[in-house]
Amino acid sequence: LGDVYKRQELDGIYDRMVHVRDRMAKKMGYKNYVELGYHRMGRIDYDQDKVKTFRENVLNDIVPVVSRLRTENAKRLGIDDYKLYDNDVIIPGGDPVPAGGKAEIFAAAREMYHAMGEETGKFIDMMIDNDAFDVDSRKNKWGGGYCTEFPKYKQPFILANFNGTAGDVDVMTHEAGHALNAYLIADNRFALEIGCGGMETAETHSMSMEFFAWPYMDKFFGEDAAKYRFAHALDALSFIPYGTMVDHFQHIVYEKPEMTPAERHAVWKGLLGVYMPWMQLGSEIPFYGDGEGWQRQLHIYVNPFYYIDYCLAQTVALQFWARIQKDKDDAWKHYMAYTRQGGSRVFTELLKNADLDSPFEESCLRGVCEEAKAWLDSYDLTGIA
């Protein structure tokens, strides 16, 4: 009964939010909150139509490939009836875990960033020596992880909650990708005004760094490094359909603010069947089976329309990943060319200046998908599956 009450309470909160945001938009002269939401996200170089095209390309090019890869991986795991609770299982026996604790992870990170280059070596020394991390879990501490900075002191700062999982290592790649950008643009005259640019730009810094860290994963995971790379690659490609679905859901909600909570649940359930067809919801967990799983995605409540950014960034990150397979040094040169620009250009111009393809180009999404599929198909799973 308590669970039902919480679900209804969450429905009520979101319903009020949707109507308040809709009234805000219309009072300001917008057609609906979709238009206002895009402006609030600072999107001036792409619009709803481009995002719609991106969603269509995801459905055409990414979803069929992910569906096949996920189904085949499930068979390796001995799963015939793929359910929602199987979706986070990629490696037999569970995800790889770091080979050491906090001290070992920090030592491996210092070694990794020094190996990447002199500039990244100075960056990680500054971060560790200035104690610019708060990663210990403790009661009443803010959950999750993020990167922020203190512009006056030109000091990035990372908060996280280490728990002995692969996520601890992700802090040293994903969040440190954000921190490295802040470090590089600390003297950029645009930085105080517009920072590193839009959120899709920021997430490209971090998601791409995750892949540049691949050659050094043995330092973090030891014998489990191969497992980590396979799981990371499959998860990265799989995320794009999910993230795009979150964005699509919000478009429908704000285009039809009069929908009831039950109708919103039906929309989410329908989108799951389109974007994640390899997965059966089932009735074992009513919360998910009834299409209420979107309530777990805090962005939908707190940061409307902040989610497609991750999908655009993941597409660019996979583009970097594909280049790393061919020429790591050349890929790094393009990454640094991208991140050094800070917020001096809009997203699509940043990409162009760094000789990268825009995710809004159909050939870009299809290209990274084909590269990832070929790599995952040919990966040596000996000792993994």
Protein backbone atom coordinates (compact mmCIF):
# COMPACT_ATOMS: atom_id res chain seq x y z
CA LEU A 1 0.00 0.00 0.00
CA GLY A 2 2.85 2.36 0.85
CA ASP A 3 4.45 1.68 -2.55
CA VAL A 4 1.19 2.51 -4.33
CA TYR A 5 0.90 5.70 -2.31
CA LYS A 6 4.41 6.84 -3.28
CA ARG A 7 3.72 6.15 -6.93
CA GLN A 8 0.56 8.22 -6.75
CA GLU A 9 2.37 10.96 -4.87
CA LEU A 10 5.06 11.09 -7.54
CA ASP A 11 2.38 11.22 -10.22
CA GLY A 12 0.77 14.16 -8.46
CA ILE A 13 4.03 16.06 -8.12
CA TYR A 14 4.88 15.59 -11.79
CA ASP A 15 1.37 16.47 -12.93
CA ARG A 16 1.59 19.80 -11.11
CA MET A 17 5.04 20.43 -12.56
CA VAL A 18 3.85 19.81 -16.11
CA HIS A 19 0.92 22.20 -15.76
CA VAL A 20 3.00 24.92 -14.11
CA ARG A 21 5.64 24.69 -16.85
CA ASP A 22 2.97 24.72 -19.54
CA ARG A 23 1.43 27.89 -18.07
CA MET A 24 4.86 29.50 -17.82
CA ALA A 25 5.54 28.86 -21.49
CA LYS A 26 2.18 30.09 -22.73
CA LYS A 27 2.30 33.19 -20.54
CA MET A 28 5.62 34.04 -22.20
CA GLY A 29 4.18 33.58 -25.67
CA TYR A 30 5.48 30.11 -26.48
CA LYS A 31 3.35 27.44 -28.10
CA ASN A 32 4.18 25.01 -25.31
CA TYR A 33 6.92 24.18 -22.84
CA VAL A 34 8.90 22.28 -25.46
CA GLU A 35 9.95 25.55 -27.07
CA LEU A 36 10.72 27.21 -23.74
CA GLY A 37 12.55 24.10 -22.53
CA TYR A 38 14.88 24.19 -25.52
CA HIS A 39 15.67 27.85 -24.88
CA ARG A 40 16.31 27.20 -21.21
CA MET A 41 18.81 24.51 -22.21
CA GLY A 42 20.64 27.08 -24.33
CA ARG A 43 20.13 25.27 -27.62
CA ILE A 44 20.71 27.82 -30.35
CA ASP A 45 22.32 25.69 -33.06
CA TYR A 46 19.74 22.88 -33.23
CA ASP A 47 16.00 22.65 -32.77
CA GLN A 48 13.16 20.18 -32.25
CA ASP A 49 13.20 19.09 -35.89
CA LYS A 50 16.86 18.11 -35.75
CA VAL A 51 16.31 16.18 -32.54
CA LYS A 52 13.31 14.45 -34.12
CA THR A 53 15.51 13.40 -37.04
CA PHE A 54 18.11 12.13 -34.59
CA ARG A 55 15.43 10.05 -32.83
CA GLU A 56 14.31 8.58 -36.15
CA ASN A 57 17.90 7.67 -37.02
CA VAL A 58 18.28 5.99 -33.62
CA LEU A 59 15.22 3.87 -34.32
CA ASN A 60 16.43 2.97 -37.81
CA ASP A 61 20.13 2.40 -37.17
CA ILE A 62 20.79 1.81 -33.47
CA VAL A 63 17.78 -0.05 -32.06
CA PRO A 64 17.95 -3.10 -34.40
CA VAL A 65 21.67 -3.53 -33.74
CA VAL A 66 21.39 -3.16 -29.96
CA SER A 67 18.42 -5.51 -29.95
CA ARG A 68 20.45 -8.21 -31.69
CA LEU A 69 23.56 -7.68 -29.55
CA ARG A 70 21.53 -7.73 -26.33
CA THR A 71 19.63 -10.86 -27.35
CA GLU A 72 22.83 -12.68 -28.31
CA ASN A 73 24.52 -11.66 -25.08
CA ALA A 74 21.50 -12.89 -23.12
CA LYS A 75 21.88 -16.30 -24.73
CA ARG A 76 25.52 -16.40 -23.61
CA LEU A 77 24.24 -15.70 -20.11
CA GLY A 78 21.70 -18.51 -20.38
CA ILE A 79 18.73 -16.14 -20.47
CA ASP A 80 15.93 -17.19 -22.83
CA ASP A 81 13.14 -14.97 -21.53
CA TYR A 82 14.73 -11.49 -21.43
CA LYS A 83 13.08 -9.39 -18.73
CA LEU A 84 13.66 -5.88 -17.46
CA TYR A 85 15.71 -7.07 -14.52
CA ASP A 86 18.10 -8.82 -16.95
CA ASN A 87 18.91 -5.60 -18.78
CA ASP A 88 21.77 -4.52 -16.51
CA VAL A 89 23.44 -7.93 -16.61
CA ILE A 90 26.17 -8.08 -19.25
CA ILE A 91 28.98 -10.14 -17.75
CA PRO A 92 28.47 -13.63 -16.25
CA GLY A 93 28.80 -13.41 -12.50
CA GLY A 94 28.28 -9.65 -12.45
CA ASP A 95 30.18 -6.52 -13.35
CA PRO A 96 33.97 -6.33 -12.98
CA VAL A 97 35.11 -4.62 -9.79
CA PRO A 98 38.22 -2.51 -9.20
CA ALA A 99 41.33 -4.43 -8.22
CA GLY A 100 41.96 -2.07 -5.31
CA GLY A 101 40.38 0.51 -3.06
CA LYS A 102 40.49 4.30 -2.99
CA ALA A 103 44.28 4.61 -2.66
CA GLU A 104 44.92 2.19 -5.53
CA ILE A 105 42.36 3.93 -7.78
CA PHE A 106 43.92 7.34 -7.17
CA ALA A 107 47.40 5.94 -7.81
CA ALA A 108 46.22 4.32 -11.06
CA ALA A 109 44.55 7.57 -12.13
CA ARG A 110 47.73 9.56 -11.54
CA GLU A 111 49.73 7.04 -13.55
CA MET A 112 47.14 7.05 -16.35
CA TYR A 113 46.94 10.80 -16.80
CA HIS A 114 50.73 11.14 -16.70
CA ALA A 115 50.94 8.51 -19.44
CA MET A 116 48.45 10.47 -21.54
CA GLY A 117 50.69 13.54 -21.66
CA GLU A 118 52.48 16.28 -19.77
CA GLU A 119 49.42 18.54 -19.57
CA THR A 120 47.10 15.85 -18.21
CA GLY A 121 49.84 14.85 -15.79
CA LYS A 122 49.95 18.36 -14.37
CA PHE A 123 46.14 18.33 -14.20
CA ILE A 124 45.84 15.16 -12.13
CA ASP A 125 48.70 16.21 -9.83
CA MET A 126 46.91 19.49 -9.16
CA MET A 127 43.62 17.69 -8.46
CA ILE A 128 45.08 15.09 -6.10
CA ASP A 129 47.58 17.36 -4.39
CA ASN A 130 44.86 19.97 -3.75
CA ASP A 131 42.56 17.29 -2.35
CA ALA A 132 39.95 18.27 -4.94
CA PHE A 133 37.94 15.08 -4.45
CA ASP A 134 35.26 14.09 -1.95
CA VAL A 135 34.64 10.45 -2.78
CA ASP A 136 34.01 8.75 0.58
CA SER A 137 30.42 7.68 1.20
CA ARG A 138 28.93 8.85 4.47
CA LYS A 139 25.57 9.46 6.09
CA ASN A 140 23.56 12.47 4.81
CA LYS A 141 26.01 13.13 1.98
CA TRP A 142 24.68 14.15 -1.43
CA GLY A 143 24.23 11.04 -3.59
CA GLY A 144 25.72 10.24 -6.97
CA GLY A 145 28.62 12.15 -8.44
CA TYR A 146 29.35 15.38 -10.23
CA CYS A 147 32.08 17.84 -11.14
CA THR A 148 31.99 21.53 -10.34
CA GLU A 149 34.62 24.26 -10.17
CA PHE A 150 35.66 27.35 -8.24
CA PRO A 151 36.45 29.85 -11.02
CA LYS A 152 38.18 32.36 -8.74
CA TYR A 153 40.77 29.74 -7.85
CA LYS A 154 40.71 27.98 -11.24
CA GLN A 155 40.01 24.81 -9.32
CA PRO A 156 37.76 21.94 -10.48
CA PHE A 157 36.23 19.79 -7.75
CA ILE A 158 34.73 16.28 -7.92
CA LEU A 159 32.17 14.78 -5.56
CA ALA A 160 31.34 11.07 -5.63
CA ASN A 161 30.39 8.16 -3.39
CA PHE A 162 32.81 5.26 -3.72
CA ASN A 163 31.14 1.89 -3.12
CA GLY A 164 33.59 -0.69 -4.45
CA THR A 165 32.04 -0.97 -7.93
CA ALA A 166 33.19 -0.05 -11.43
CA GLY A 167 31.48 3.29 -10.82
CA ASP A 168 34.43 4.26 -8.63
CA VAL A 169 36.69 4.06 -11.67
CA ASP A 170 34.16 5.97 -13.76
CA VAL A 171 34.70 8.94 -11.43
CA MET A 172 38.31 9.03 -12.58
CA THR A 173 37.31 8.98 -16.23
CA HIS A 174 33.87 10.55 -16.64
CA GLU A 175 33.98 13.21 -13.92
CA ALA A 176 37.66 13.86 -14.48
CA GLY A 177 36.80 14.48 -18.15
CA HIS A 178 34.64 17.37 -16.97
CA ALA A 179 37.37 18.52 -14.60
CA LEU A 180 40.05 18.43 -17.30
CA ASN A 181 37.92 20.69 -19.49
CA ALA A 182 37.46 23.15 -16.61
CA TYR A 183 41.23 23.09 -16.07
CA LEU A 184 41.97 23.73 -19.74
CA ILE A 185 39.56 26.65 -20.13
CA ALA A 186 40.25 28.32 -16.79
CA ASP A 187 41.85 31.28 -18.60
CA ASN A 188 39.33 31.31 -21.46
CA ARG A 189 37.62 34.72 -21.45
CA PHE A 190 34.31 33.06 -22.38
CA ALA A 191 34.41 30.58 -19.51
CA LEU A 192 32.99 32.79 -16.76
CA GLU A 193 30.03 33.74 -18.96
CA ILE A 194 29.12 30.51 -20.74
CA GLY A 195 31.42 27.88 -19.28
CA CYS A 196 32.19 24.95 -21.52
CA GLY A 197 29.07 25.42 -23.65
CA GLY A 198 25.84 23.43 -23.67
CA MET A 199 25.27 20.23 -21.73
CA GLU A 200 25.75 18.11 -24.85
CA THR A 201 29.19 19.72 -25.16
CA ALA A 202 30.04 19.06 -21.52
CA GLU A 203 28.93 15.42 -21.64
CA THR A 204 31.08 14.87 -24.72
CA HIS A 205 34.14 15.81 -22.66
CA SER A 206 33.34 13.21 -20.00
CA MET A 207 31.92 10.36 -22.08
CA SER A 208 34.84 10.56 -24.51
CA MET A 209 37.38 10.47 -21.69
CA GLU A 210 35.87 7.14 -20.60
CA PHE A 211 37.07 5.66 -23.91
CA PHE A 212 40.48 7.35 -23.86
CA ALA A 213 41.02 5.57 -20.53
CA TRP A 214 40.57 2.13 -22.11
CA PRO A 215 44.29 1.42 -22.70
CA TYR A 216 44.87 1.92 -18.98
CA MET A 217 42.04 -0.17 -17.57
CA ASP A 218 44.44 -2.94 -16.55
CA LYS A 219 45.74 -0.53 -13.90
CA PHE A 220 42.24 -0.27 -12.41
CA PHE A 221 40.74 -3.73 -12.97
CA GLY A 222 43.66 -6.09 -13.39
CA GLU A 223 42.51 -9.33 -15.00
CA ASP A 224 38.96 -7.98 -15.29
CA ALA A 225 39.96 -5.19 -17.70
CA ALA A 226 38.74 -7.14 -20.73
CA LYS A 227 35.36 -7.64 -19.07
CA TYR A 228 35.13 -3.93 -18.35
CA ARG A 229 35.85 -2.95 -21.97
CA PHE A 230 33.23 -5.31 -23.37
CA ALA A 231 30.58 -4.24 -20.85
CA HIS A 232 31.39 -0.55 -21.36
CA ALA A 233 31.14 -0.76 -25.15
CA LEU A 234 27.83 -2.64 -25.13
CA ASP A 235 26.41 -0.39 -22.43
CA ALA A 236 27.48 2.78 -24.28
CA LEU A 237 25.73 1.71 -27.47
CA SER A 238 22.68 0.46 -25.54
CA PHE A 239 22.30 3.74 -23.71
CA ILE A 240 21.46 5.71 -26.85
CA PRO A 241 18.01 4.11 -27.37
CA TYR A 242 17.13 4.52 -23.68
CA GLY A 243 18.27 8.13 -23.49
CA THR A 244 16.45 8.98 -26.71
CA MET A 245 13.30 7.41 -25.31
CA VAL A 246 13.51 9.64 -22.21
CA ASP A 247 13.66 12.66 -24.50
CA HIS A 248 10.80 11.43 -26.69
CA PHE A 249 8.64 10.86 -23.62
CA GLN A 250 9.14 14.45 -22.50
CA HIS A 251 8.23 15.83 -25.91
CA ILE A 252 4.94 13.94 -25.85
CA VAL A 253 4.20 14.99 -22.25
CA TYR A 254 4.71 18.70 -22.86
CA GLU A 255 2.98 18.65 -26.22
CA LYS A 256 -0.06 17.13 -24.48
CA PRO A 257 0.03 18.55 -20.93
CA GLU A 258 -3.62 17.62 -20.38
CA MET A 259 -2.76 13.89 -20.28
CA THR A 260 -3.62 12.03 -17.10
CA PRO A 261 -0.95 10.16 -15.12
CA ALA A 262 -2.36 6.88 -16.44
CA GLU A 263 -2.01 8.13 -20.01
CA ARG A 264 1.60 9.13 -19.36
CA HIS A 265 2.34 5.63 -18.06
CA ALA A 266 0.81 4.19 -21.21
CA VAL A 267 3.04 6.43 -23.34
CA TRP A 268 6.16 5.27 -21.50
CA LYS A 269 5.15 1.63 -21.82
CA GLY A 270 4.55 2.08 -25.54
CA LEU A 271 7.91 3.79 -26.06
CA LEU A 272 9.69 0.96 -24.25
CA GLY A 273 8.33 -1.45 -26.83
CA VAL A 274 9.70 0.75 -29.62
CA TYR A 275 13.11 1.75 -28.25
CA MET A 276 13.93 -1.39 -26.23
CA PRO A 277 12.10 -4.23 -28.03
CA TRP A 278 14.51 -6.88 -26.77
CA MET A 279 13.13 -6.52 -23.26
CA GLN A 280 9.86 -7.85 -21.85
CA LEU A 281 8.35 -5.85 -19.00
CA GLY A 282 6.40 -8.75 -17.51
CA SER A 283 4.11 -8.47 -14.51
CA GLU A 284 6.55 -9.57 -11.80
CA ILE A 285 7.29 -5.96 -10.85
CA PRO A 286 4.07 -3.95 -11.33
CA PHE A 287 5.85 -0.59 -11.04
CA TYR A 288 7.73 -1.33 -14.25
CA GLY A 289 5.13 -3.52 -15.88
CA ASP A 290 2.56 -0.74 -15.58
CA GLY A 291 4.84 1.75 -17.33
CA GLU A 292 5.85 3.78 -14.28
CA GLY A 293 9.60 3.23 -14.56
CA TRP A 294 10.15 6.77 -15.85
CA GLN A 295 9.61 8.00 -12.28
CA ARG A 296 13.10 6.74 -11.42
CA GLN A 297 14.67 9.18 -13.91
CA LEU A 298 15.20 12.30 -11.81
CA HIS A 299 16.04 14.43 -14.86
CA ILE A 300 12.41 14.18 -15.99
CA TYR A 301 11.31 15.95 -12.83
CA VAL A 302 14.14 18.35 -12.14
CA ASN A 303 15.81 19.11 -15.49
CA PRO A 304 13.24 18.85 -18.28
CA PHE A 305 14.76 18.11 -21.70
CA TYR A 306 18.22 17.56 -20.22
CA TYR A 307 18.75 14.04 -21.52
CA ILE A 308 19.11 13.99 -25.29
CA ASP A 309 22.39 15.77 -24.50
CA TYR A 310 23.81 12.47 -23.23
CA CYS A 311 22.79 10.70 -26.44
CA LEU A 312 24.37 13.34 -28.68
CA ALA A 313 27.50 13.22 -26.53
CA GLN A 314 27.61 9.41 -26.59
CA THR A 315 27.46 9.51 -30.38
CA VAL A 316 30.48 11.82 -30.48
CA ALA A 317 32.25 9.76 -27.81
CA LEU A 318 31.79 6.62 -29.92
CA GLN A 319 33.21 8.57 -32.84
CA PHE A 320 36.33 9.22 -30.74
CA TRP A 321 36.33 5.56 -29.69
CA ALA A 322 36.34 4.47 -33.35
CA ARG A 323 39.29 6.79 -34.05
CA ILE A 324 41.15 5.44 -31.01
CA GLN A 325 41.02 1.95 -32.54
CA LYS A 326 42.88 3.26 -35.60
CA ASP A 327 45.20 5.95 -34.25
CA LYS A 328 45.11 6.80 -30.53
CA ASP A 329 47.40 9.83 -30.84
CA ASP A 330 45.40 11.33 -33.68
CA ALA A 331 42.16 10.75 -31.77
CA TRP A 332 43.62 12.49 -28.72
CA LYS A 333 44.68 15.46 -30.85
CA HIS A 334 41.08 15.88 -32.05
CA TYR A 335 39.75 15.48 -28.50
CA MET A 336 42.00 18.23 -27.19
CA ALA A 337 41.05 20.44 -30.13
CA TYR A 338 37.42 19.96 -29.16
CA THR A 339 37.71 20.51 -25.42
CA ARG A 340 40.09 23.48 -25.56
CA GLN A 341 37.47 25.58 -27.35
CA GLY A 342 35.29 25.79 -24.25
CA GLY A 343 32.07 27.70 -24.82
CA SER A 344 33.55 29.91 -27.53
CA ARG A 345 31.48 28.09 -30.16
CA VAL A 346 28.12 26.31 -30.28
CA PHE A 347 28.09 22.51 -30.27
CA THR A 348 27.99 21.89 -34.01
CA GLU A 349 30.74 24.46 -34.63
CA LEU A 350 32.91 22.94 -31.91
CA LEU A 351 32.63 19.61 -33.70
CA LYS A 352 33.39 21.11 -37.09
CA ASN A 353 36.46 22.94 -35.79
CA ALA A 354 37.75 19.67 -34.33
CA ASP A 355 37.11 17.80 -37.61
CA LEU A 356 34.30 15.72 -36.12
CA ASP A 357 30.94 14.75 -37.61
CA SER A 358 27.69 16.08 -36.20
CA PRO A 359 25.33 13.52 -34.59
CA PHE A 360 22.53 15.13 -36.59
CA GLU A 361 24.06 13.74 -39.77
CA GLU A 362 22.57 10.34 -40.53
CA SER A 363 25.95 9.02 -41.70
CA CYS A 364 27.52 9.83 -38.31
CA LEU A 365 25.10 7.75 -36.24
CA ARG A 366 25.13 4.87 -38.70
CA GLY A 367 28.93 4.97 -38.89
CA VAL A 368 29.59 4.75 -35.16
CA CYS A 369 26.95 2.03 -34.86
CA GLU A 370 28.61 -0.09 -37.54
CA GLU A 371 32.03 0.37 -35.94
CA ALA A 372 30.76 -0.62 -32.50
CA LYS A 373 28.80 -3.59 -33.86
CA ALA A 374 31.83 -4.90 -35.74
CA TRP A 375 34.05 -4.56 -32.66
CA LEU A 376 31.57 -6.25 -30.34
CA ASP A 377 30.95 -9.05 -32.83
CA SER A 378 34.66 -9.76 -33.19
CA TYR A 379 35.62 -9.33 -29.53
CA ASP A 380 37.33 -12.32 -28.00
CA LEU A 381 34.93 -13.40 -25.25
CA THR A 382 37.23 -16.15 -23.98
CA GLY A 383 37.14 -15.98 -20.23
CA ILE A 384 34.23 -13.53 -20.31
CA ALA A 385 31.24 -15.56 -21.44
